[in-house]
Each structure stands twice: as C-alpha cells, then as structure tokens.
Amino acid sequence: MFSEAMEAERDDAVTDDELDVHRELFTAYARGQRPPETITVVGNAPMRPDPARARLIDDSDLVLRLTTFALDEHGEAPCYGRKTDVVVVHRGVLASPHTFADYTSRLYLLAEPGRMHWEPEWLPDWWPPDLGFLPIPNRPVVRPLGRLLGLDPAQPVWATTGTLAVYLCARLFPEAKIRMAGFSIVDDPEQTRFAHAWGADVEVTVDHRLRAESALLRSWRDEGRVEILP
C-alpha cells in the first residue's frame, strides 16, 4: 500500500537498515500475524461507544497507543478496545492509569524530536526503574516526516506523536493495512486544546502545525494509504 509512495519520500541518505531493530521488535510484539498485516494506531481523542470499532482495534495484529490513553473498562460499552502491544510516549507524558499498566508485556517507544533542538536527556522520577524503551530515531523518521509536512528543519517544530506513530508503522510495514482511531486533528485542525479520552484537556504546544498534519492525514486516507475508523 505504502511502498511506492514511501520510496519517493525517503531521504536518499537514509536506509531502512536503520529501522531493522524496530521492525523486528514490532513483529515480536505482534500477537497475531507475523509480520503484522493489520496495524491500528489509537489516538487519545474521546470517541463514542462503538462495539464494531473496538472489535476492529482488538482484532488487529498490532495495536499502538499513545501517551495518556484510555482503555475500555469492564462493564462499560465497548469504545477504545483493550489490546495494547506498543506504547508511544515522550519525556513530558502525562500518564494515565493505563500508560504503564502491565508494562512488562509491551514495547515502549520514546519520541524525542526535541533532542534535535533543546530537549535534555532525562526521564521523569516516576518512570518505572526497570522499564527500558526504544527511541524513535530522528534522522530516518522524524526528519522525513517533517519534510512531508513542509516544516523547516532548523526550527523546533515537529509532528504530533500520533502522526509520527502512523508514519513509523508505514515505514516499517509498507504492505500492512494501517488503521487510525481517535485522531481529532483530521477533522479539527484549528483546535488549540486536545481533549483526551482520559484526564483533562491539554494545550496544543507551539511545536506542532496541525493544519499541515490534518491535510497530510486526509491525503493518506483519500489515497487509501490508511483507514480512519469512525
């Protein structure tokens, strides 16, 4: 699905060999088909109950969730699903009760685009002391995505964690069916606060350009690169 288009978007100086470790670990953590044929990235936006959506999420070979995410609670109407194979966080994450629950059975990825500019190398004091993580590399992933978004690499601006996760999955598994759920920026690129399915709203920080991300995600949807679940 993504292979031909991604080929034209890659930095000539970057090879997919740099992402072999990520590809192998994603495959190892997939609870279904290996390598995964269906991947769902679940964002943090609130969603209405929908048993069909929750079933599609949980039936995916690989499910990625982001930062302050929600899961379906027992006894509630199905909405977000519960399967969690990969968690994408950043150093300033506001953890929900689900973010680090059962962390020994998940793969944790650390998005740190700010390291290209000003972000220090540190982890919060509450980070589980026995939890390791795998960085999402900036040169082969963050920078090419920034070019797709038309961002100036000299400026401290970068994609949101959700769009970064979708792009990474497409780079790792270009033939997989990639689904998205809980991405409010697709239909609301003008928002200044992100509503979360768990916890309080958070401000959209100055390092994001939601209008460019929305346009890119909608183009991927229209081209059949991704499926956006209702």
Protein backbone atom coordinates (compact mmCIF):
# COMPACT_ATOMS: atom_id res chain seq x y z
CA MET A 1 0.00 0.00 0.00
CA PHE A 2 2.65 2.49 1.03
CA SER A 3 5.68 1.04 -0.69
CA GLU A 4 5.87 3.05 -3.95
CA ALA A 5 4.90 6.37 -2.39
CA MET A 6 7.19 5.93 0.59
CA GLU A 7 10.09 5.16 -1.72
CA ALA A 8 9.86 8.65 -3.19
CA GLU A 9 9.60 10.28 0.22
CA ARG A 10 12.69 8.80 1.84
CA ASP A 11 15.88 10.71 2.45
CA ASP A 12 18.46 9.34 0.00
CA ALA A 13 20.99 9.22 2.84
CA VAL A 14 18.71 7.04 4.99
CA THR A 15 18.31 3.29 4.56
CA ASP A 16 15.68 1.06 6.08
CA ASP A 17 18.51 -0.92 7.73
CA GLU A 18 18.46 1.76 10.43
CA LEU A 19 14.96 0.62 11.36
CA ASP A 20 15.61 -3.13 11.40
CA VAL A 21 15.54 -3.28 15.20
CA HIS A 22 12.17 -1.52 15.30
CA ARG A 23 10.76 -3.82 12.61
CA GLU A 24 11.94 -6.94 14.41
CA LEU A 25 10.59 -5.78 17.78
CA PHE A 26 7.23 -4.76 16.34
CA THR A 27 6.98 -8.20 14.78
CA ALA A 28 7.94 -9.89 18.05
CA TYR A 29 5.26 -7.98 19.98
CA ALA A 30 2.53 -8.64 17.42
CA ARG A 31 0.04 -11.04 19.00
CA GLY A 32 -1.43 -12.10 15.67
CA GLN A 33 0.02 -12.44 12.19
CA ARG A 34 3.80 -12.05 11.98
CA PRO A 35 4.81 -9.80 10.38
CA PRO A 36 1.65 -7.83 11.18
CA GLU A 37 -0.82 -7.43 8.34
CA THR A 38 -3.22 -5.17 10.24
CA ILE A 39 -1.96 -2.34 12.47
CA THR A 40 -4.12 0.12 14.39
CA VAL A 41 -2.81 3.34 15.95
CA VAL A 42 -5.22 4.59 18.62
CA GLY A 43 -5.04 8.28 19.46
CA ASN A 44 -6.17 9.98 22.65
CA ALA A 45 -9.28 11.79 21.44
CA PRO A 46 -12.58 10.87 23.10
CA MET A 47 -14.76 8.54 21.00
CA ARG A 48 -18.35 7.46 21.26
CA PRO A 49 -19.05 3.83 22.18
CA ASP A 50 -18.87 1.60 19.11
CA PRO A 51 -18.57 -2.18 19.53
CA ALA A 52 -17.55 -2.64 15.88
CA ARG A 53 -14.68 -0.17 16.22
CA ALA A 54 -13.49 -1.69 19.50
CA ARG A 55 -13.57 -5.14 17.90
CA LEU A 56 -11.56 -3.98 14.88
CA ILE A 57 -8.94 -2.48 17.20
CA ASP A 58 -8.61 -5.59 19.37
CA ASP A 59 -8.59 -7.92 16.35
CA SER A 60 -5.62 -6.10 14.80
CA ASP A 61 -2.32 -7.94 14.63
CA LEU A 62 -0.59 -4.98 16.29
CA VAL A 63 -2.08 -2.11 18.32
CA LEU A 64 -0.19 1.09 19.16
CA ARG A 65 -1.48 3.52 21.79
CA LEU A 66 -0.22 6.97 22.68
CA THR A 67 0.86 8.68 25.90
CA THR A 68 -2.24 9.38 28.05
CA PHE A 69 -4.50 6.72 26.60
CA ALA A 70 -7.79 5.19 27.71
CA LEU A 71 -8.91 1.56 27.56
CA ASP A 72 -12.36 0.04 27.79
CA GLU A 73 -13.28 -0.73 31.37
CA HIS A 74 -15.12 -3.92 32.25
CA GLY A 75 -18.86 -3.36 32.32
CA GLU A 76 -18.75 -0.29 30.04
CA ALA A 77 -19.90 -0.07 26.43
CA PRO A 78 -17.04 -1.03 24.06
CA CYS A 79 -15.30 2.01 22.64
CA TYR A 80 -11.48 2.05 22.68
CA GLY A 81 -10.67 -1.64 22.90
CA ARG A 82 -8.14 -3.07 25.33
CA LYS A 83 -5.35 -4.65 23.32
CA THR A 84 -2.05 -2.77 23.74
CA ASP A 85 1.14 -4.05 22.13
CA VAL A 86 3.20 -0.87 21.66
CA VAL A 87 3.03 2.37 23.65
CA VAL A 88 4.49 5.60 22.23
CA VAL A 89 5.42 8.19 24.87
CA HIS A 90 7.54 11.32 25.21
CA ARG A 91 9.52 12.74 28.11
CA GLY A 92 6.72 15.04 29.23
CA VAL A 93 4.00 12.39 29.17
CA LEU A 94 1.02 12.81 31.50
CA ALA A 95 0.49 9.18 32.37
CA SER A 96 -2.98 7.71 32.68
CA PRO A 97 -3.58 4.62 34.85
CA HIS A 98 -3.17 2.60 31.66
CA THR A 99 0.08 4.09 30.35
CA PHE A 100 2.40 1.88 32.41
CA ALA A 101 -0.03 -0.84 33.50
CA ASP A 102 1.26 -4.30 32.54
CA TYR A 103 4.33 -2.60 31.09
CA THR A 104 6.46 -5.75 31.10
CA SER A 105 4.30 -7.19 28.31
CA ARG A 106 4.56 -4.17 25.99
CA LEU A 107 7.10 -2.42 23.81
CA TYR A 108 7.67 1.24 24.75
CA LEU A 109 8.86 3.74 22.16
CA LEU A 110 10.17 7.15 23.13
CA ALA A 111 9.52 10.03 20.73
CA GLU A 112 12.09 12.75 21.32
CA PRO A 113 12.18 15.17 18.35
CA GLY A 114 13.13 17.95 20.75
CA ARG A 115 16.56 16.34 21.14
CA MET A 116 17.39 17.86 17.75
CA HIS A 117 16.97 21.30 19.29
CA TRP A 118 16.80 21.79 23.07
CA GLU A 119 15.34 18.79 24.88
CA PRO A 120 17.61 17.31 27.61
CA GLU A 121 18.20 13.60 28.01
CA TRP A 122 16.25 12.78 31.16
CA LEU A 123 13.33 10.69 32.35
CA PRO A 124 10.74 11.63 34.98
CA ASP A 125 11.31 10.42 38.53
CA TRP A 126 8.16 8.32 38.31
CA TRP A 127 9.36 6.33 35.29
CA PRO A 128 9.40 2.60 36.22
CA PRO A 129 13.04 1.86 37.10
CA ASP A 130 13.03 -1.49 35.31
CA LEU A 131 11.36 -0.25 32.13
CA GLY A 132 13.51 0.13 29.08
CA PHE A 133 12.48 1.93 25.92
CA LEU A 134 13.42 2.22 22.28
CA PRO A 135 13.84 5.74 20.84
CA ILE A 136 12.13 6.64 17.59
CA PRO A 137 15.16 7.83 15.64
CA ASN A 138 15.02 11.39 14.40
CA ARG A 139 17.09 11.15 11.22
CA PRO A 140 15.26 8.30 9.45
CA VAL A 141 11.77 9.01 10.81
CA VAL A 142 11.14 12.44 12.34
CA ARG A 143 13.02 14.49 9.74
CA PRO A 144 11.49 12.83 6.63
CA LEU A 145 8.02 13.26 8.13
CA GLY A 146 8.82 16.90 8.78
CA ARG A 147 9.68 17.34 5.12
CA LEU A 148 6.33 15.82 4.12
CA LEU A 149 4.66 18.38 6.37
CA GLY A 150 6.68 21.24 4.89
CA LEU A 151 8.37 22.04 8.20
CA ASP A 152 11.62 23.98 8.45
CA PRO A 153 14.22 21.55 9.93
CA ALA A 154 16.07 24.47 11.51
CA GLN A 155 13.01 25.38 13.58
CA PRO A 156 11.82 23.48 16.70
CA VAL A 157 8.63 22.18 15.08
CA TRP A 158 7.59 18.56 14.52
CA ALA A 159 4.65 16.22 14.07
CA THR A 160 2.39 15.14 16.90
CA THR A 161 3.09 11.76 18.43
CA GLY A 162 0.09 10.19 16.69
CA THR A 163 1.07 11.19 13.17
CA LEU A 164 4.64 10.13 13.94
CA ALA A 165 3.43 6.69 15.03
CA VAL A 166 1.36 6.24 11.87
CA TYR A 167 4.29 7.25 9.66
CA LEU A 168 6.65 4.90 11.51
CA CYS A 169 4.26 1.96 11.02
CA ALA A 170 4.04 2.76 7.31
CA ARG A 171 7.84 2.83 7.03
CA LEU A 172 8.24 -0.47 8.89
CA PHE A 173 5.41 -2.37 7.19
CA PRO A 174 4.53 -0.70 3.87
CA GLU A 175 2.25 -3.58 2.82
CA ALA A 176 0.23 -3.67 6.05
CA LYS A 177 -3.30 -2.33 6.42
CA ILE A 178 -2.96 0.63 8.77
CA ARG A 179 -5.95 1.95 10.68
CA MET A 180 -6.30 5.09 12.80
CA ALA A 181 -8.79 5.86 15.55
CA GLY A 182 -9.11 8.74 17.99
CA PHE A 183 -7.33 11.38 15.85
CA SER A 184 -9.21 14.65 16.32
CA ILE A 185 -6.83 16.68 14.13
CA VAL A 186 -8.17 15.08 10.95
CA ASP A 187 -11.45 17.00 11.22
CA ASP A 188 -10.41 19.81 13.57
CA PRO A 189 -7.00 21.24 12.65
CA GLU A 190 -7.84 24.60 14.22
CA GLN A 191 -8.15 23.35 17.79
CA THR A 192 -5.93 24.90 20.43
CA ARG A 193 -6.56 22.26 23.10
CA PHE A 194 -6.55 18.48 22.81
CA ALA A 195 -9.44 16.75 24.56
CA HIS A 196 -8.30 13.40 25.98
CA ALA A 197 -10.33 10.26 26.49
CA TRP A 198 -8.69 10.07 29.92
CA GLY A 199 -7.86 13.14 32.01
CA ALA A 200 -8.05 16.86 31.41
CA ASP A 201 -7.60 18.69 28.12
CA VAL A 202 -4.07 19.79 27.25
CA GLU A 203 -2.88 22.75 25.21
CA VAL A 204 -1.60 22.26 21.69
CA THR A 205 2.04 23.20 22.05
CA VAL A 206 3.81 25.66 19.75
CA ASP A 207 5.94 22.95 18.15
CA HIS A 208 3.02 21.48 16.16
CA ARG A 209 1.39 22.53 12.88
CA LEU A 210 -1.99 20.82 12.99
CA ARG A 211 -3.25 22.20 9.68
CA ALA A 212 -0.37 20.58 7.81
CA GLU A 213 -0.84 17.30 9.68
CA SER A 214 -4.56 17.24 9.02
CA ALA A 215 -4.00 17.79 5.30
CA LEU A 216 -1.40 15.01 5.17
CA LEU A 217 -3.55 12.50 7.07
CA ARG A 218 -6.59 13.28 4.92
CA SER A 219 -4.50 12.81 1.77
CA TRP A 220 -3.33 9.41 3.03
CA ARG A 221 -6.94 8.48 3.75
CA ASP A 222 -8.14 9.63 0.33
CA GLU A 223 -5.33 7.73 -1.39
CA GLY A 224 -6.16 4.55 0.51
CA ARG A 225 -2.92 4.55 2.47
CA VAL A 226 -4.72 4.46 5.81
CA GLU A 227 -8.23 3.76 7.05
CA ILE A 228 -9.64 6.17 9.61
CA LEU A 229 -12.14 4.43 11.88
CA PRO A 230 -15.25 6.42 12.84
